[in-house]
Amino acid sequence: MTTDRAIAPVESIRQVLAQGDRICLFLDFDGTLLDLAETPNAIAVDGALPALLARVSERLDGALALVSGRPIDELDRLLEPLRLPAAGIHGFERRDSRGAMHRAPPRRSALDTVRHRFLEFVATDQRLLLEDKGESLALHYRRAPEVSTAVSAFASRIVEDLPPGFALQPGDMVVEVKSQLFSKGLAVQEFLREQPFVGRRPVVIGDDFTDVDAFRVVEFLGGLSIAVGDRIQGRERLANPATVRRLLEELATDTVAAPSSTRTPRVAGND
């Protein structure tokens, strides 16, 4: 049955290609390519994933990017030796296809007051985890789902004290404070202005609320949004990371990816 859930997105991509368009692909990481774990550090990356992503990237002439809440250096460590174009910390930092880094204006110090409040709250229960990314603060409670009401109450109090330009972003067993100066949607827009992404129909796959901005961008541009699981709504849906992997396997073959005669030449620096 799960195989059938992967058919609709594959057919939608085939329809795009049948129109003579090429695609570019933007992938969330946790919950999309891999099942979520109790803590961010507990996630397990199997050796097949970097190889699969490399194959898909090759088929798309490098027009594949990761768009994640994790920092880029963590993505590199988890997928070593693969280094893809990537946006990290929900778009605060971005590495383009040539390897150049771009960052939004840093505002870490503006979070110092609420950072202290987060630390105090996490200290009340050892099962809670504060993931301090510098430019954002993520409170994870996957190890204690029964405290969701207390977390929600804490989040409501925090909202009143957030510095200007910051917002609270709910997620799957996590609440995160981040600047409104960056988002996954803005990161996708930047990629789409550059080779090898420019001129291609964008496809984005994600599973959580932070992916919604990217969904809106690609839908506005006539691209395809694919939701994983049932937390958010996309134009298509996949059941779980396993079905995402099956879709990527399809994309890595000649049956789905654009034929070689329509490929864009690889950009210098992608090798």
Protein backbone atom coordinates (compact mmCIF):
# COMPACT_ATOMS: atom_id res chain seq x y z
CA MET A 1 0.00 0.00 0.00
CA THR A 2 2.82 2.44 0.79
CA THR A 3 4.22 1.89 -2.69
CA ASP A 4 0.93 3.20 -4.10
CA ARG A 5 1.32 6.35 -1.99
CA ALA A 6 4.50 7.14 -3.95
CA ILE A 7 2.86 6.80 -7.36
CA ALA A 8 1.00 10.14 -7.47
CA PRO A 9 4.08 12.37 -6.93
CA VAL A 10 6.05 10.36 -9.50
CA GLU A 11 3.30 10.78 -12.05
CA SER A 12 3.07 14.52 -11.32
CA ILE A 13 6.80 14.87 -11.94
CA ARG A 14 6.50 12.84 -15.14
CA GLN A 15 3.79 15.23 -16.33
CA VAL A 16 6.10 18.19 -15.72
CA LEU A 17 8.88 16.51 -17.69
CA ALA A 18 6.48 15.56 -20.47
CA GLN A 19 5.83 19.27 -20.96
CA GLY A 20 9.51 19.72 -21.76
CA ASP A 21 10.41 21.26 -18.40
CA ARG A 22 13.32 20.20 -16.24
CA ILE A 23 12.98 20.04 -12.47
CA CYS A 24 15.09 21.05 -9.50
CA LEU A 25 14.64 19.45 -6.12
CA PHE A 26 14.66 20.87 -2.58
CA LEU A 27 14.65 18.39 0.30
CA ASP A 28 14.08 18.79 4.00
CA PHE A 29 16.20 16.41 6.10
CA ASP A 30 14.79 15.25 9.46
CA GLY A 31 11.39 13.63 9.07
CA THR A 32 11.67 13.72 5.28
CA LEU A 33 14.77 11.75 4.36
CA LEU A 34 15.11 10.11 7.76
CA ASP A 35 12.73 9.11 10.52
CA LEU A 36 12.73 11.46 13.49
CA ALA A 37 14.63 10.40 16.60
CA GLU A 38 14.17 11.29 20.28
CA THR A 39 16.90 13.91 19.99
CA PRO A 40 18.61 15.54 16.96
CA ASN A 41 21.90 13.80 17.82
CA ALA A 42 20.24 10.38 17.93
CA ILE A 43 19.29 10.37 14.27
CA ALA A 44 20.80 7.50 12.28
CA VAL A 45 22.02 7.96 8.70
CA ASP A 46 22.46 4.76 6.74
CA GLY A 47 25.22 4.54 4.15
CA ALA A 48 22.73 4.25 1.29
CA LEU A 49 21.38 7.79 1.74
CA PRO A 50 24.46 9.79 0.63
CA ALA A 51 24.87 7.52 -2.39
CA LEU A 52 21.20 7.90 -3.33
CA LEU A 53 21.32 11.70 -3.03
CA ALA A 54 24.48 11.78 -5.13
CA ARG A 55 22.79 9.76 -7.86
CA VAL A 56 19.73 12.02 -7.91
CA SER A 57 21.91 15.13 -7.95
CA GLU A 58 23.83 13.72 -10.90
CA ARG A 59 20.61 13.00 -12.81
CA LEU A 60 19.49 16.60 -12.16
CA ASP A 61 22.86 18.08 -13.12
CA GLY A 62 23.42 19.29 -9.58
CA ALA A 63 19.97 20.91 -9.21
CA LEU A 64 19.33 19.34 -5.81
CA ALA A 65 19.63 21.19 -2.49
CA LEU A 66 18.97 20.36 1.13
CA VAL A 67 16.84 22.91 3.01
CA SER A 68 17.01 22.01 6.70
CA GLY A 69 16.70 23.33 10.22
CA ARG A 70 20.11 21.81 10.96
CA PRO A 71 23.33 23.80 10.45
CA ILE A 72 25.08 23.01 7.18
CA ASP A 73 28.15 21.60 8.93
CA GLU A 74 25.92 19.02 10.64
CA LEU A 75 24.42 18.01 7.30
CA ASP A 76 27.93 17.62 5.88
CA ARG A 77 29.00 15.48 8.83
CA LEU A 78 25.94 13.24 8.59
CA LEU A 79 26.27 12.77 4.81
CA GLU A 80 30.06 12.65 4.60
CA PRO A 81 31.70 12.71 2.07
CA LEU A 82 28.76 14.20 0.14
CA ARG A 83 28.53 18.02 0.08
CA LEU A 84 25.40 19.33 -1.59
CA PRO A 85 24.07 22.86 -2.07
CA ALA A 86 22.27 23.46 1.20
CA ALA A 87 20.38 25.92 3.35
CA GLY A 88 20.81 25.47 7.11
CA ILE A 89 19.11 26.83 10.25
CA HIS A 90 15.91 27.35 8.24
CA GLY A 91 17.68 29.56 5.72
CA PHE A 92 19.99 31.62 7.95
CA GLU A 93 22.95 30.13 6.10
CA ARG A 94 23.13 28.91 2.52
CA ARG A 95 25.83 27.23 0.43
CA ASP A 96 25.32 27.64 -3.29
CA SER A 97 26.31 25.16 -5.99
CA ARG A 98 29.78 26.73 -6.29
CA GLY A 99 30.42 26.28 -2.57
CA ALA A 100 30.09 29.97 -1.65
CA MET A 101 28.45 30.67 1.72
CA HIS A 102 25.73 33.27 2.25
CA ARG A 103 24.29 34.28 5.63
CA ALA A 104 21.49 36.50 6.84
CA PRO A 105 22.38 39.36 9.23
CA PRO A 106 23.29 37.71 12.56
CA ARG A 107 21.06 38.51 15.53
CA ARG A 108 22.24 35.93 18.09
CA SER A 109 22.65 38.46 20.92
CA ALA A 110 19.02 39.57 20.52
CA LEU A 111 17.99 36.14 21.83
CA ASP A 112 20.01 36.34 25.05
CA THR A 113 17.02 37.20 27.25
CA VAL A 114 14.74 34.46 25.95
CA ARG A 115 17.71 32.08 25.79
CA HIS A 116 17.93 32.39 29.59
CA ARG A 117 14.20 31.69 29.87
CA PHE A 118 14.56 28.57 27.74
CA LEU A 119 17.43 27.31 29.89
CA GLU A 120 15.38 27.80 33.05
CA PHE A 121 12.44 25.91 31.59
CA VAL A 122 14.55 22.99 30.31
CA ALA A 123 16.11 22.67 33.78
CA THR A 124 12.68 21.70 35.18
CA ASP A 125 12.68 18.35 33.35
CA GLN A 126 15.76 16.41 32.27
CA ARG A 127 13.84 14.90 29.36
CA LEU A 128 13.56 18.31 27.71
CA LEU A 129 16.31 19.42 25.34
CA LEU A 130 17.35 22.90 24.26
CA GLU A 131 19.03 22.96 20.85
CA ASP A 132 20.84 26.30 20.69
CA LYS A 133 21.73 27.02 17.05
CA GLY A 134 22.89 30.53 17.80
CA GLU A 135 20.43 32.23 15.46
CA SER A 136 17.51 30.12 16.70
CA LEU A 137 16.47 28.24 19.82
CA ALA A 138 14.63 24.92 19.59
CA LEU A 139 12.95 23.30 22.59
CA HIS A 140 12.49 19.55 21.98
CA TYR A 141 10.08 17.50 24.09
CA ARG A 142 9.85 14.25 22.10
CA ARG A 143 11.09 12.32 25.16
CA ALA A 144 8.24 13.79 27.23
CA PRO A 145 5.17 14.23 25.01
CA GLU A 146 2.92 14.38 28.07
CA VAL A 147 4.31 17.85 28.92
CA SER A 148 3.01 19.35 25.68
CA THR A 149 0.48 21.48 27.61
CA ALA A 150 3.24 22.92 29.81
CA VAL A 151 5.39 23.57 26.74
CA SER A 152 2.51 25.33 25.02
CA ALA A 153 1.95 27.51 28.07
CA PHE A 154 5.66 28.35 28.20
CA ALA A 155 5.64 29.18 24.49
CA SER A 156 2.68 31.52 24.97
CA ARG A 157 4.57 33.41 27.67
CA ILE A 158 7.73 33.57 25.55
CA VAL A 159 5.88 35.09 22.60
CA GLU A 160 5.14 38.21 24.67
CA ASP A 161 8.87 38.76 25.34
CA LEU A 162 10.33 38.01 21.91
CA PRO A 163 12.56 40.73 20.42
CA PRO A 164 11.16 42.55 17.38
CA GLY A 165 11.53 40.53 14.20
CA PHE A 166 11.46 37.14 15.92
CA ALA A 167 8.64 34.59 15.91
CA LEU A 168 7.80 31.29 17.55
CA GLN A 169 7.64 28.36 15.11
CA PRO A 170 5.85 25.18 16.28
CA GLY A 171 6.97 21.80 14.98
CA ASP A 172 6.71 18.08 15.63
CA MET A 173 7.40 17.85 19.37
CA VAL A 174 9.44 21.05 19.17
CA VAL A 175 8.94 24.80 19.48
CA GLU A 176 11.55 27.09 17.97
CA VAL A 177 12.30 30.81 18.11
CA LYS A 178 13.80 32.19 14.90
CA SER A 179 14.32 35.49 13.14
CA GLN A 180 11.81 36.50 10.49
CA LEU A 181 14.68 37.79 8.33
CA PHE A 182 15.21 34.29 6.92
CA SER A 183 13.10 31.25 6.05
CA LYS A 184 13.20 28.15 3.92
CA GLY A 185 11.04 29.93 1.38
CA LEU A 186 13.55 32.76 0.99
CA ALA A 187 16.37 30.23 0.68
CA VAL A 188 14.55 28.44 -2.14
CA GLN A 189 14.00 31.76 -3.93
CA GLU A 190 17.74 32.49 -3.77
CA PHE A 191 18.62 29.07 -5.18
CA LEU A 192 16.16 29.57 -8.03
CA ARG A 193 18.07 32.67 -9.17
CA GLU A 194 21.28 30.65 -9.64
CA GLN A 195 22.63 27.90 -11.85
CA PRO A 196 21.88 25.03 -12.07
CA PHE A 197 18.44 25.74 -10.52
CA VAL A 198 17.40 28.72 -12.63
CA GLY A 199 14.80 28.01 -15.33
CA ARG A 200 13.71 24.70 -13.81
CA ARG A 201 10.36 23.76 -12.27
CA PRO A 202 10.92 23.48 -8.50
CA VAL A 203 9.86 20.47 -6.45
CA VAL A 204 10.08 20.66 -2.66
CA ILE A 205 9.57 17.80 -0.20
CA GLY A 206 9.08 18.45 3.53
CA ASP A 207 7.20 17.27 6.57
CA ASP A 208 6.79 20.13 9.04
CA PHE A 209 5.54 23.69 9.47
CA THR A 210 8.93 25.24 8.65
CA ASP A 211 8.57 23.79 5.14
CA VAL A 212 5.30 25.62 4.46
CA ASP A 213 7.07 28.81 3.30
CA ALA A 214 9.00 26.79 0.72
CA PHE A 215 5.76 25.10 -0.38
CA ARG A 216 4.15 28.49 -1.00
CA VAL A 217 7.11 29.67 -3.08
CA VAL A 218 7.19 26.66 -5.41
CA GLU A 219 3.40 26.51 -5.74
CA PHE A 220 3.32 30.20 -6.73
CA LEU A 221 5.95 29.45 -9.37
CA GLY A 222 4.00 26.51 -10.76
CA GLY A 223 6.15 23.89 -9.07
CA LEU A 224 5.23 20.91 -6.94
CA SER A 225 5.01 20.66 -3.15
CA ILE A 226 5.10 17.18 -1.61
CA ALA A 227 4.16 16.77 2.07
CA VAL A 228 5.54 13.84 4.05
CA GLY A 229 3.11 12.50 6.63
CA ASP A 230 0.02 14.44 7.63
CA ARG A 231 1.25 17.49 9.56
CA ILE A 232 1.15 19.89 6.62
CA GLN A 233 -0.65 20.13 3.30
CA GLY A 234 1.09 19.89 -0.06
CA ARG A 235 -0.17 19.38 -3.59
CA GLU A 236 1.00 15.77 -3.26
CA ARG A 237 1.67 13.55 -0.27
CA LEU A 238 4.03 10.75 0.72
CA ALA A 239 3.46 8.59 3.76
CA ASN A 240 6.92 8.63 5.36
CA PRO A 241 10.67 8.86 4.67
CA ALA A 242 10.67 5.35 3.23
CA THR A 243 8.32 6.45 0.43
CA VAL A 244 10.46 9.55 -0.12
CA ARG A 245 13.42 7.23 -0.67
CA ARG A 246 11.39 5.24 -3.23
CA LEU A 247 10.55 8.44 -5.06
CA LEU A 248 14.23 9.41 -5.10
CA GLU A 249 15.11 6.00 -6.48
CA GLU A 250 12.65 6.66 -9.31
CA LEU A 251 14.21 10.09 -9.89
CA ALA A 252 17.65 8.50 -10.11
CA THR A 253 16.56 6.39 -13.09
CA ASP A 254 16.08 7.27 -16.75
CA THR A 255 12.36 6.55 -16.45
CA VAL A 256 11.60 9.75 -14.51
CA ALA A 257 14.51 12.19 -14.73
CA ALA A 258 14.86 14.44 -17.77
CA PRO A 259 16.51 12.80 -20.80
CA SER A 260 20.15 13.64 -21.34
CA SER A 261 19.39 15.64 -24.48
CA THR A 262 17.58 18.25 -22.36
CA ARG A 263 20.08 18.47 -19.52
CA THR A 264 21.75 21.71 -18.54
CA PRO A 265 25.58 21.54 -18.67
CA ARG A 266 27.15 21.19 -15.26
CA VAL A 267 28.37 24.45 -13.77
CA ALA A 268 32.08 24.79 -13.05
CA GLY A 269 32.73 24.02 -9.42
CA ASN A 270 30.01 21.38 -9.10
CA ASP A 271 32.40 18.46 -9.63
